[in-house]
Amino acid sequence: MAQLSLTRRALWDIRGIKAYSVENGGEAVAEEYLDAIEDALIRLRENPRILRTKDGITESLCFYRVRQHFSSVR
């Protein structure tokens, strides 16, 4: 299994996602969103080959979609 660690910026972004979700959809929506992010991180740790590059963006940056957002990995 691959190692996965989050940067301070990523953790800050997740806190922002939670705050925005609570404010705009309520606590239950925020928890669903955070669960989706956690599930995606587990999938990425278990199988990093699911990461994809995007046309027009450097190949050293890979992406994985979580709902309508993309997680990026360098």
PDB file of N, CA and C in Angstrom:
ATOM      1  N   MET A   1       0.840  -1.169   0.000  1.00  0.00           N
ATOM      2  CA  MET A   1       0.000   0.000   0.000  1.00  0.00           C
ATOM      3  C   MET A   1       0.892   1.241   0.000  1.00  0.00           C
ATOM      4  N   ALA A   2       0.554   2.215  -0.821  1.00  0.00           N
ATOM      5  CA  ALA A   2       1.330   3.451  -0.920  1.00  0.00           C
ATOM      6  C   ALA A   2       1.110   4.327   0.307  1.00  0.00           C
ATOM      7  N   GLN A   3       2.103   5.148   0.597  1.00  0.00           N
ATOM      8  CA  GLN A   3       1.951   6.105   1.695  1.00  0.00           C
ATOM      9  C   GLN A   3       1.287   7.357   1.148  1.00  0.00           C
ATOM     10  N   LEU A   4       0.423   7.933   1.930  1.00  0.00           N
ATOM     11  CA  LEU A   4      -0.267   9.147   1.528  1.00  0.00           C
ATOM     12  C   LEU A   4      -0.249  10.110   2.700  1.00  0.00           C
ATOM     13  N   SER A   5       0.199  11.310   2.464  1.00  0.00           N
ATOM     14  CA  SER A   5       0.165  12.324   3.516  1.00  0.00           C
ATOM     15  C   SER A   5      -0.356  13.617   2.916  1.00  0.00           C
ATOM     16  N   LEU A   6      -1.035  14.383   3.745  1.00  0.00           N
ATOM     17  CA  LEU A   6      -1.636  15.632   3.296  1.00  0.00           C
ATOM     18  C   LEU A   6      -0.778  16.809   3.745  1.00  0.00           C
ATOM     19  N   THR A   7      -0.669  17.796   2.883  1.00  0.00           N
ATOM     20  CA  THR A   7       0.054  19.014   3.231  1.00  0.00           C
ATOM     21  C   THR A   7      -0.809  19.859   4.174  1.00  0.00           C
ATOM     22  N   ARG A   8      -0.183  20.826   4.802  1.00  0.00           N
ATOM     23  CA  ARG A   8      -0.949  21.760   5.636  1.00  0.00           C
ATOM     24  C   ARG A   8      -2.012  22.467   4.808  1.00  0.00           C
ATOM     25  N   ARG A   9      -1.657  22.808   3.601  1.00  0.00           N
ATOM     26  CA  ARG A   9      -2.616  23.487   2.713  1.00  0.00           C
ATOM     27  C   ARG A   9      -3.811  22.583   2.426  1.00  0.00           C
ATOM     28  N   ALA A  10      -3.577  21.303   2.183  1.00  0.00           N
ATOM     29  CA  ALA A  10      -4.674  20.370   1.920  1.00  0.00           C
ATOM     30  C   ALA A  10      -5.588  20.272   3.133  1.00  0.00           C
ATOM     31  N   LEU A  11      -5.003  20.188   4.326  1.00  0.00           N
ATOM     32  CA  LEU A  11      -5.811  20.134   5.542  1.00  0.00           C
ATOM     33  C   LEU A  11      -6.607  21.419   5.737  1.00  0.00           C
ATOM     34  N   TRP A  12      -5.994  22.543   5.423  1.00  0.00           N
ATOM     35  CA  TRP A  12      -6.674  23.834   5.493  1.00  0.00           C
ATOM     36  C   TRP A  12      -7.837  23.861   4.507  1.00  0.00           C
ATOM     37  N   ASP A  13      -7.620  23.360   3.301  1.00  0.00           N
ATOM     38  CA  ASP A  13      -8.689  23.302   2.296  1.00  0.00           C
ATOM     39  C   ASP A  13      -9.846  22.418   2.764  1.00  0.00           C
ATOM     40  N   ILE A  14      -9.529  21.300   3.382  1.00  0.00           N
ATOM     41  CA  ILE A  14     -10.581  20.399   3.878  1.00  0.00           C
ATOM     42  C   ILE A  14     -11.402  21.087   4.966  1.00  0.00           C
ATOM     43  N   ARG A  15     -10.736  21.831   5.843  1.00  0.00           N
ATOM     44  CA  ARG A  15     -11.483  22.591   6.862  1.00  0.00           C
ATOM     45  C   ARG A  15     -12.405  23.611   6.191  1.00  0.00           C
ATOM     46  N   GLY A  16     -11.911  24.241   5.127  1.00  0.00           N
ATOM     47  CA  GLY A  16     -12.735  25.205   4.392  1.00  0.00           C
ATOM     48  C   GLY A  16     -13.920  24.545   3.709  1.00  0.00           C
ATOM     49  N   ILE A  17     -13.698  23.359   3.167  1.00  0.00           N
ATOM     50  CA  ILE A  17     -14.785  22.607   2.535  1.00  0.00           C
ATOM     51  C   ILE A  17     -15.850  22.275   3.580  1.00  0.00           C
ATOM     52  N   LYS A  18     -15.408  21.868   4.760  1.00  0.00           N
ATOM     53  CA  LYS A  18     -16.369  21.545   5.817  1.00  0.00           C
ATOM     54  C   LYS A  18     -17.160  22.784   6.221  1.00  0.00           C
ATOM     55  N   ALA A  19     -16.482  23.892   6.446  1.00  0.00           N
ATOM     56  CA  ALA A  19     -17.169  25.121   6.858  1.00  0.00           C
ATOM     57  C   ALA A  19     -18.176  25.565   5.798  1.00  0.00           C
ATOM     58  N   TYR A  20     -17.758  25.543   4.547  1.00  0.00           N
ATOM     59  CA  TYR A  20     -18.657  25.938   3.456  1.00  0.00           C
ATOM     60  C   TYR A  20     -19.861  24.996   3.377  1.00  0.00           C
ATOM     61  N   SER A  21     -19.608  23.708   3.505  1.00  0.00           N
ATOM     62  CA  SER A  21     -20.682  22.717   3.411  1.00  0.00           C
ATOM     63  C   SER A  21     -21.674  22.858   4.559  1.00  0.00           C
ATOM     64  N   VAL A  22     -21.183  23.088   5.769  1.00  0.00           N
ATOM     65  CA  VAL A  22     -22.076  23.291   6.917  1.00  0.00           C
ATOM     66  C   VAL A  22     -22.929  24.525   6.691  1.00  0.00           C
ATOM     67  N   GLU A  23     -22.293  25.602   6.244  1.00  0.00           N
ATOM     68  CA  GLU A  23     -23.006  26.863   6.042  1.00  0.00           C
ATOM     69  C   GLU A  23     -24.050  26.770   4.939  1.00  0.00           C
ATOM     70  N   ASN A  24     -23.750  26.041   3.882  1.00  0.00           N
ATOM     71  CA  ASN A  24     -24.639  26.017   2.723  1.00  0.00           C
ATOM     72  C   ASN A  24     -25.528  24.784   2.620  1.00  0.00           C
ATOM     73  N   GLY A  25     -25.221  23.749   3.382  1.00  0.00           N
ATOM     74  CA  GLY A  25     -26.031  22.540   3.265  1.00  0.00           C
ATOM     75  C   GLY A  25     -26.353  21.873   4.584  1.00  0.00           C
ATOM     76  N   GLY A  26     -25.658  22.293   5.644  1.00  0.00           N
ATOM     77  CA  GLY A  26     -25.898  21.713   6.953  1.00  0.00           C
ATOM     78  C   GLY A  26     -24.846  20.683   7.332  1.00  0.00           C
ATOM     79  N   GLU A  27     -24.893  20.289   8.585  1.00  0.00           N
ATOM     80  CA  GLU A  27     -23.907  19.369   9.140  1.00  0.00           C
ATOM     81  C   GLU A  27     -23.910  18.019   8.422  1.00  0.00           C
ATOM     82  N   ALA A  28     -25.096  17.508   8.083  1.00  0.00           N
ATOM     83  CA  ALA A  28     -25.183  16.198   7.422  1.00  0.00           C
ATOM     84  C   ALA A  28     -24.513  16.228   6.055  1.00  0.00           C
ATOM     85  N   VAL A  29     -24.723  17.302   5.307  1.00  0.00           N
ATOM     86  CA  VAL A  29     -24.091  17.441   3.986  1.00  0.00           C
ATOM     87  C   VAL A  29     -22.580  17.508   4.138  1.00  0.00           C
ATOM     88  N   ALA A  30     -22.128  18.263   5.137  1.00  0.00           N
ATOM     89  CA  ALA A  30     -20.686  18.378   5.375  1.00  0.00           C
ATOM     90  C   ALA A  30     -20.080  17.018   5.696  1.00  0.00           C
ATOM     91  N   GLU A  31     -20.746  16.250   6.533  1.00  0.00           N
ATOM     92  CA  GLU A  31     -20.234  14.926   6.889  1.00  0.00           C
ATOM     93  C   GLU A  31     -20.198  13.999   5.676  1.00  0.00           C
ATOM     94  N   GLU A  32     -21.216  14.067   4.828  1.00  0.00           N
ATOM     95  CA  GLU A  32     -21.219  13.254   3.601  1.00  0.00           C
ATOM     96  C   GLU A  32     -20.037  13.623   2.718  1.00  0.00           C
ATOM     97  N   TYR A  33     -19.779  14.917   2.607  1.00  0.00           N
ATOM     98  CA  TYR A  33     -18.683  15.390   1.768  1.00  0.00           C
ATOM     99  C   TYR A  33     -17.344  14.935   2.334  1.00  0.00           C
ATOM    100  N   LEU A  34     -17.152  15.088   3.638  1.00  0.00           N
ATOM    101  CA  LEU A  34     -15.898  14.669   4.258  1.00  0.00           C
ATOM    102  C   LEU A  34     -15.708  13.159   4.156  1.00  0.00           C
ATOM    103  N   ASP A  35     -16.796  12.410   4.271  1.00  0.00           N
ATOM    104  CA  ASP A  35     -16.712  10.957   4.093  1.00  0.00           C
ATOM    105  C   ASP A  35     -16.270  10.614   2.675  1.00  0.00           C
ATOM    106  N   ALA A  36     -16.786  11.345   1.681  1.00  0.00           N
ATOM    107  CA  ALA A  36     -16.404  11.106   0.285  1.00  0.00           C
ATOM    108  C   ALA A  36     -14.917  11.394   0.076  1.00  0.00           C
ATOM    109  N   ILE A  37     -14.424  12.460   0.696  1.00  0.00           N
ATOM    110  CA  ILE A  37     -13.001  12.796   0.591  1.00  0.00           C
ATOM    111  C   ILE A  37     -12.162  11.710   1.257  1.00  0.00           C
ATOM    112  N   GLU A  38     -12.564  11.281   2.437  1.00  0.00           N
ATOM    113  CA  GLU A  38     -11.819  10.232   3.143  1.00  0.00           C
ATOM    114  C   GLU A  38     -11.807   8.936   2.337  1.00  0.00           C
ATOM    115  N   ASP A  39     -12.950   8.554   1.770  1.00  0.00           N
ATOM    116  CA  ASP A  39     -13.015   7.348   0.933  1.00  0.00           C
ATOM    117  C   ASP A  39     -12.077   7.461  -0.266  1.00  0.00           C
ATOM    118  N   ALA A  40     -12.046   8.644  -0.883  1.00  0.00           N
ATOM    119  CA  ALA A  40     -11.176   8.852  -2.039  1.00  0.00           C
ATOM    120  C   ALA A  40      -9.708   8.733  -1.644  1.00  0.00           C
ATOM    121  N   LEU A  41      -9.345   9.283  -0.496  1.00  0.00           N
ATOM    122  CA  LEU A  41      -7.959   9.190  -0.040  1.00  0.00           C
ATOM    123  C   LEU A  41      -7.565   7.743   0.238  1.00  0.00           C
ATOM    124  N   ILE A  42      -8.481   6.979   0.790  1.00  0.00           N
ATOM    125  CA  ILE A  42      -8.211   5.559   1.022  1.00  0.00           C
ATOM    126  C   ILE A  42      -8.016   4.836  -0.309  1.00  0.00           C
ATOM    127  N   ARG A  43      -8.888   5.119  -1.285  1.00  0.00           N
ATOM    128  CA  ARG A  43      -8.747   4.490  -2.616  1.00  0.00           C
ATOM    129  C   ARG A  43      -7.417   4.862  -3.257  1.00  0.00           C
ATOM    130  N   LEU A  44      -7.016   6.124  -3.131  1.00  0.00           N
ATOM    131  CA  LEU A  44      -5.744   6.562  -3.704  1.00  0.00           C
ATOM    132  C   LEU A  44      -4.557   5.880  -3.027  1.00  0.00           C
ATOM    133  N   ARG A  45      -4.637   5.730  -1.722  1.00  0.00           N
ATOM    134  CA  ARG A  45      -3.550   5.055  -1.000  1.00  0.00           C
ATOM    135  C   ARG A  45      -3.457   3.596  -1.420  1.00  0.00           C
ATOM    136  N   GLU A  46      -4.605   2.956  -1.614  1.00  0.00           N
ATOM    137  CA  GLU A  46      -4.625   1.546  -1.988  1.00  0.00           C
ATOM    138  C   GLU A  46      -4.270   1.319  -3.452  1.00  0.00           C
ATOM    139  N   ASN A  47      -4.564   2.297  -4.295  1.00  0.00           N
ATOM    140  CA  ASN A  47      -4.326   2.126  -5.726  1.00  0.00           C
ATOM    141  C   ASN A  47      -3.972   3.464  -6.376  1.00  0.00           C
ATOM    142  N   PRO A  48      -2.730   3.926  -6.243  1.00  0.00           N
ATOM    143  CA  PRO A  48      -2.339   5.218  -6.811  1.00  0.00           C
ATOM    144  C   PRO A  48      -2.411   5.268  -8.336  1.00  0.00           C
ATOM    145  N   ARG A  49      -2.554   4.126  -8.977  1.00  0.00           N
ATOM    146  CA  ARG A  49      -2.644   4.109 -10.452  1.00  0.00           C
ATOM    147  C   ARG A  49      -3.944   4.719 -10.969  1.00  0.00           C
ATOM    148  N   ILE A  50      -4.890   4.975 -10.094  1.00  0.00           N
ATOM    149  CA  ILE A  50      -6.144   5.587 -10.558  1.00  0.00           C
ATOM    150  C   ILE A  50      -5.992   7.087 -10.790  1.00  0.00           C
ATOM    151  N   LEU A  51      -4.855   7.654 -10.390  1.00  0.00           N
ATOM    152  CA  LEU A  51      -4.586   9.066 -10.668  1.00  0.00           C
ATOM    153  C   LEU A  51      -4.435   9.286 -12.164  1.00  0.00           C
ATOM    154  N   ARG A  52      -4.888  10.434 -12.643  1.00  0.00           N
ATOM    155  CA  ARG A  52      -4.818  10.753 -14.069  1.00  0.00           C
ATOM    156  C   ARG A  52      -4.194  12.132 -14.279  1.00  0.00           C
ATOM    157  N   THR A  53      -3.540  12.306 -15.420  1.00  0.00           N
ATOM    158  CA  THR A  53      -3.039  13.619 -15.809  1.00  0.00           C
ATOM    159  C   THR A  53      -4.141  14.316 -16.615  1.00  0.00           C
ATOM    160  N   LYS A  54      -3.979  15.609 -16.809  1.00  0.00           N
ATOM    161  CA  LYS A  54      -4.936  16.387 -17.591  1.00  0.00           C
ATOM    162  C   LYS A  54      -4.189  17.036 -18.752  1.00  0.00           C
ATOM    163  N   ASP A  55      -4.815  17.030 -19.920  1.00  0.00           N
ATOM    164  CA  ASP A  55      -4.220  17.691 -21.079  1.00  0.00           C
ATOM    165  C   ASP A  55      -3.975  19.167 -20.778  1.00  0.00           C
ATOM    166  N   GLY A  56      -2.820  19.648 -21.169  1.00  0.00           N
ATOM    167  CA  GLY A  56      -2.483  21.050 -20.996  1.00  0.00           C
ATOM    168  C   GLY A  56      -1.924  21.389 -19.617  1.00  0.00           C
ATOM    169  N   ILE A  57      -1.817  20.392 -18.737  1.00  0.00           N
ATOM    170  CA  ILE A  57      -1.261  20.605 -17.393  1.00  0.00           C
ATOM    171  C   ILE A  57      -0.066  19.666 -17.252  1.00  0.00           C
ATOM    172  N   THR A  58       0.972  20.143 -16.608  1.00  0.00           N
ATOM    173  CA  THR A  58       2.192  19.361 -16.455  1.00  0.00           C
ATOM    174  C   THR A  58       1.897  17.934 -15.989  1.00  0.00           C
ATOM    175  N   GLU A  59       2.638  16.990 -16.519  1.00  0.00           N
ATOM    176  CA  GLU A  59       2.423  15.580 -16.181  1.00  0.00           C
ATOM    177  C   GLU A  59       2.893  15.233 -14.773  1.00  0.00           C
ATOM    178  N   SER A  60       3.597  16.159 -14.115  1.00  0.00           N
ATOM    179  CA  SER A  60       4.020  15.889 -12.739  1.00  0.00           C
ATOM    180  C   SER A  60       2.881  16.125 -11.745  1.00  0.00           C
ATOM    181  N   LEU A  61       1.754  16.615 -12.233  1.00  0.00           N
ATOM    182  CA  LEU A  61       0.587  16.849 -11.399  1.00  0.00           C
ATOM    183  C   LEU A  61      -0.528  15.914 -11.864  1.00  0.00           C
ATOM    184  N   CYS A  62      -1.023  15.066 -10.956  1.00  0.00           N
ATOM    185  CA  CYS A  62      -2.066  14.091 -11.283  1.00  0.00           C
ATOM    186  C   CYS A  62      -3.334  14.408 -10.512  1.00  0.00           C
ATOM    187  N   PHE A  63      -4.460  13.928 -11.016  1.00  0.00           N
ATOM    188  CA  PHE A  63      -5.759  14.269 -10.452  1.00  0.00           C
ATOM    189  C   PHE A  63      -6.617  13.042 -10.201  1.00  0.00           C
ATOM    190  N   TYR A  64      -7.536  13.190  -9.254  1.00  0.00           N
ATOM    191  CA  TYR A  64      -8.552  12.179  -8.976  1.00  0.00           C
ATOM    192  C   TYR A  64      -9.829  12.913  -8.604  1.00  0.00           C
ATOM    193  N   ARG A  65     -10.914  12.563  -9.260  1.00  0.00           N
ATOM    194  CA  ARG A  65     -12.174  13.261  -9.054  1.00  0.00           C
ATOM    195  C   ARG A  65     -12.879  12.770  -7.785  1.00  0.00           C
ATOM    196  N   VAL A  66     -13.353  13.734  -6.981  1.00  0.00           N
ATOM    197  CA  VAL A  66     -14.189  13.470  -5.807  1.00  0.00           C
ATOM    198  C   VAL A  66     -15.427  14.335  -5.975  1.00  0.00           C
ATOM    199  N   ARG A  67     -16.527  13.687  -6.311  1.00  0.00           N
ATOM    200  CA  ARG A  67     -17.765  14.394  -6.668  1.00  0.00           C
ATOM    201  C   ARG A  67     -17.450  15.355  -7.803  1.00  0.00           C
ATOM    202  N   GLN A  68     -17.778  16.652  -7.639  1.00  0.00           N
ATOM    203  CA  GLN A  68     -17.534  17.571  -8.755  1.00  0.00           C
ATOM    204  C   GLN A  68     -16.180  18.275  -8.661  1.00  0.00           C
ATOM    205  N   HIS A  69     -15.354  17.859  -7.732  1.00  0.00           N
ATOM    206  CA  HIS A  69     -14.042  18.464  -7.532  1.00  0.00           C
ATOM    207  C   HIS A  69     -12.943  17.479  -7.875  1.00  0.00           C
ATOM    208  N   PHE A  70     -11.751  17.994  -8.060  1.00  0.00           N
ATOM    209  CA  PHE A  70     -10.589  17.163  -8.330  1.00  0.00           C
ATOM    210  C   PHE A  70      -9.577  17.304  -7.208  1.00  0.00           C
ATOM    211  N   SER A  71      -9.047  16.174  -6.763  1.00  0.00           N
ATOM    212  CA  SER A  71      -7.909  16.176  -5.850  1.00  0.00           C
ATOM    213  C   SER A  71      -6.671  16.142  -6.730  1.00  0.00           C
ATOM    214  N   SER A  72      -5.640  16.849  -6.333  1.00  0.00           N
ATOM    215  CA  SER A  72      -4.415  16.837  -7.119  1.00  0.00           C
ATOM    216  C   SER A  72      -3.276  16.267  -6.275  1.00  0.00           C
ATOM    217  N   VAL A  73      -2.371  15.588  -6.960  1.00  0.00           N
ATOM    218  CA  VAL A  73      -1.229  14.956  -6.315  1.00  0.00           C
ATOM    219  C   VAL A  73       0.007  15.280  -7.123  1.00  0.00           C
ATOM    220  N   ARG A  74       1.034  15.658  -6.439  1.00  0.00           N
ATOM    221  CA  ARG A  74       2.302  15.972  -7.101  1.00  0.00           C
ATOM    222  C   ARG A  74       3.294  14.904  -6.776  1.00  0.00           C
TER     223      ARG A  74
END
